[in-house]
C-alpha cells in the first residue's frame, strides 16, 4: 500500500463527524470483544469431546462474525457521515 494513500486515509478518519466516529469506534470495540471471547471459548472447549461441541461451535461462530460487524459499522458510519454533510449544505 502506498504511504501517501495510507496518510490520506488516516487524515480522513481524523476529519469524521462525531456520530460517524462513534459508530465506527463501537463496531471496532464489539469486533475486538467477539474475537477475545472466541479465543476464550476455544480454550474452554479443549479437549474436544461431545460435551464441549456446543462451546466449540459457539466460538467458531463468534470468530467468523467480526468482519460482518465491521462491515455494518463502516456502512453505518459512511451513511451517517453522508447524511450529516448533506444537511450541512
C-alpha atoms as a PDB file:
ATOM      1  CA  UNK A   1       0.000   0.000   0.000  1.00  0.00           C
ATOM      2  CA  UNK A   2       1.284   3.437  -0.900  1.00  0.00           C
ATOM      3  CA  UNK A   3       2.250   5.557   2.119  1.00  0.00           C
ATOM      4  CA  UNK A   4       0.557   8.615   0.608  1.00  0.00           C
ATOM      5  CA  UNK A   5      -2.713   6.712   0.353  1.00  0.00           C
ATOM      6  CA  UNK A   6      -2.396   5.490   3.931  1.00  0.00           C
ATOM      7  CA  UNK A   7      -1.741   9.045   5.092  1.00  0.00           C
ATOM      8  CA  UNK A   8      -4.890  10.253   3.252  1.00  0.00           C
ATOM      9  CA  UNK A   9      -6.970   7.531   4.895  1.00  0.00           C
ATOM     10  CA  UNK A  10      -5.685   8.446   8.369  1.00  0.00           C
ATOM     11  CA  UNK A  11      -6.347  12.150   7.740  1.00  0.00           C
ATOM     12  CA  UNK A  12      -9.866  11.366   6.538  1.00  0.00           C
ATOM     13  CA  UNK A  13     -10.575   9.300   9.646  1.00  0.00           C
ATOM     14  CA  UNK A  14      -9.475  12.279  11.748  1.00  0.00           C
ATOM     15  CA  UNK A  15     -11.993  14.506   9.962  1.00  0.00           C
ATOM     16  CA  UNK A  16     -15.010  12.250  10.625  1.00  0.00           C
ATOM     17  CA  UNK A  17     -18.052  13.678  12.364  1.00  0.00           C
ATOM     18  CA  UNK A  18     -18.652  12.654  15.977  1.00  0.00           C
ATOM     19  CA  UNK A  19     -21.600  10.372  15.159  1.00  0.00           C
ATOM     20  CA  UNK A  20     -19.729   8.574  12.375  1.00  0.00           C
ATOM     21  CA  UNK A  21     -16.679   8.112  14.617  1.00  0.00           C
ATOM     22  CA  UNK A  22     -18.844   6.775  17.446  1.00  0.00           C
ATOM     23  CA  UNK A  23     -20.440   4.196  15.147  1.00  0.00           C
ATOM     24  CA  UNK A  24     -17.061   3.075  13.793  1.00  0.00           C
ATOM     25  CA  UNK A  25     -15.488   3.015  17.258  1.00  0.00           C
ATOM     26  CA  UNK A  26     -18.368   0.923  18.610  1.00  0.00           C
ATOM     27  CA  UNK A  27     -18.030  -1.570  15.758  1.00  0.00           C
ATOM     28  CA  UNK A  28     -14.296  -1.885  16.438  1.00  0.00           C
ATOM     29  CA  UNK A  29     -14.916  -2.492  20.149  1.00  0.00           C
ATOM     30  CA  UNK A  30     -17.599  -5.115  19.505  1.00  0.00           C
ATOM     31  CA  UNK A  31     -15.384  -6.893  16.953  1.00  0.00           C
ATOM     32  CA  UNK A  32     -12.424  -6.972  19.327  1.00  0.00           C
ATOM     33  CA  UNK A  33     -14.631  -8.251  22.164  1.00  0.00           C
ATOM     34  CA  UNK A  34     -16.010 -11.001  19.924  1.00  0.00           C
ATOM     35  CA  UNK A  35     -12.508 -12.116  18.921  1.00  0.00           C
ATOM     36  CA  UNK A  36     -11.345 -12.160  22.540  1.00  0.00           C
ATOM     37  CA  UNK A  37     -14.438 -14.086  23.607  1.00  0.00           C
ATOM     38  CA  UNK A  38     -13.946 -16.568  20.776  1.00  0.00           C
ATOM     39  CA  UNK A  39     -10.366 -17.194  21.933  1.00  0.00           C
ATOM     40  CA  UNK A  40     -11.535 -17.840  25.488  1.00  0.00           C
ATOM     41  CA  UNK A  41     -14.285 -20.167  24.281  1.00  0.00           C
ATOM     42  CA  UNK A  42     -11.830 -22.059  22.075  1.00  0.00           C
ATOM     43  CA  UNK A  43      -9.648 -22.643  25.122  1.00  0.00           C
ATOM     44  CA  UNK A  44     -12.693 -23.684  27.159  1.00  0.00           C
ATOM     45  CA  UNK A  45     -13.676 -26.260  24.551  1.00  0.00           C
ATOM     46  CA  UNK A  46     -10.398 -28.168  24.908  1.00  0.00           C
ATOM     47  CA  UNK A  47     -10.035 -31.117  24.931  1.00  0.00           C
ATOM     48  CA  UNK A  48     -12.546 -31.804  22.144  1.00  0.00           C
ATOM     49  CA  UNK A  49     -15.402 -34.011  23.203  1.00  0.00           C
ATOM     50  CA  UNK A  50     -19.098 -34.426  22.696  1.00  0.00           C
ATOM     51  CA  UNK A  51     -19.766 -32.324  25.794  1.00  0.00           C
ATOM     52  CA  UNK A  52     -17.723 -29.334  24.568  1.00  0.00           C
ATOM     53  CA  UNK A  53     -19.005 -29.377  20.971  1.00  0.00           C
ATOM     54  CA  UNK A  54     -21.570 -26.614  21.619  1.00  0.00           C
ATOM     55  CA  UNK A  55     -18.890 -24.368  23.132  1.00  0.00           C
ATOM     56  CA  UNK A  56     -16.631 -25.042  20.152  1.00  0.00           C
ATOM     57  CA  UNK A  57     -19.392 -24.176  17.641  1.00  0.00           C
ATOM     58  CA  UNK A  58     -20.219 -21.001  19.567  1.00  0.00           C
ATOM     59  CA  UNK A  59     -16.542 -19.980  19.458  1.00  0.00           C
ATOM     60  CA  UNK A  60     -16.396 -20.765  15.752  1.00  0.00           C
ATOM     61  CA  UNK A  61     -19.383 -18.511  15.042  1.00  0.00           C
ATOM     62  CA  UNK A  62     -18.010 -15.716  17.223  1.00  0.00           C
ATOM     63  CA  UNK A  63     -14.716 -15.948  15.342  1.00  0.00           C
ATOM     64  CA  UNK A  64     -16.420 -15.605  11.946  1.00  0.00           C
ATOM     65  CA  UNK A  65     -18.695 -12.648  12.792  1.00  0.00           C
ATOM     66  CA  UNK A  66     -16.303  -9.678  13.415  1.00  0.00           C
ATOM     67  CA  UNK A  67     -15.795  -8.923   9.687  1.00  0.00           C
ATOM     68  CA  UNK A  68     -19.567  -8.674   9.260  1.00  0.00           C
ATOM     69  CA  UNK A  69     -19.857  -6.417  12.317  1.00  0.00           C
ATOM     70  CA  UNK A  70     -17.103  -4.178  10.943  1.00  0.00           C
ATOM     71  CA  UNK A  71     -18.779  -4.037   7.534  1.00  0.00           C
ATOM     72  CA  UNK A  72     -22.084  -2.976   9.076  1.00  0.00           C
ATOM     73  CA  UNK A  73     -20.266  -0.433  11.255  1.00  0.00           C
ATOM     74  CA  UNK A  74     -18.402   1.038   8.292  1.00  0.00           C
ATOM     75  CA  UNK A  75     -21.576   1.252   6.216  1.00  0.00           C
ATOM     76  CA  UNK A  76     -23.452   2.882   9.091  1.00  0.00           C
ATOM     77  CA  UNK A  77     -20.625   5.329   9.627  1.00  0.00           C
ATOM     78  CA  UNK A  78     -20.496   6.298   5.942  1.00  0.00           C
ATOM     79  CA  UNK A  79     -24.265   6.724   5.739  1.00  0.00           C
ATOM     80  CA  UNK A  80     -24.358   8.844   8.912  1.00  0.00           C
ATOM     81  CA  UNK A  81     -21.494  10.999   7.650  1.00  0.00           C
ATOM     82  CA  UNK A  82     -23.171  11.462   4.264  1.00  0.00           C
ATOM     83  CA  UNK A  83     -26.478  12.495   5.842  1.00  0.00           C
ATOM     84  CA  UNK A  84     -24.777  14.950   8.213  1.00  0.00           C
ATOM     85  CA  UNK A  85     -22.705  16.509   5.424  1.00  0.00           C
ATOM     86  CA  UNK A  86     -25.755  16.869   3.138  1.00  0.00           C
ATOM     87  CA  UNK A  87     -27.767  18.578   5.866  1.00  0.00           C
ATOM     88  CA  UNK A  88     -24.891  20.971   6.498  1.00  0.00           C
ATOM     89  CA  UNK A  89     -25.010  22.362   2.950  1.00  0.00           C
END
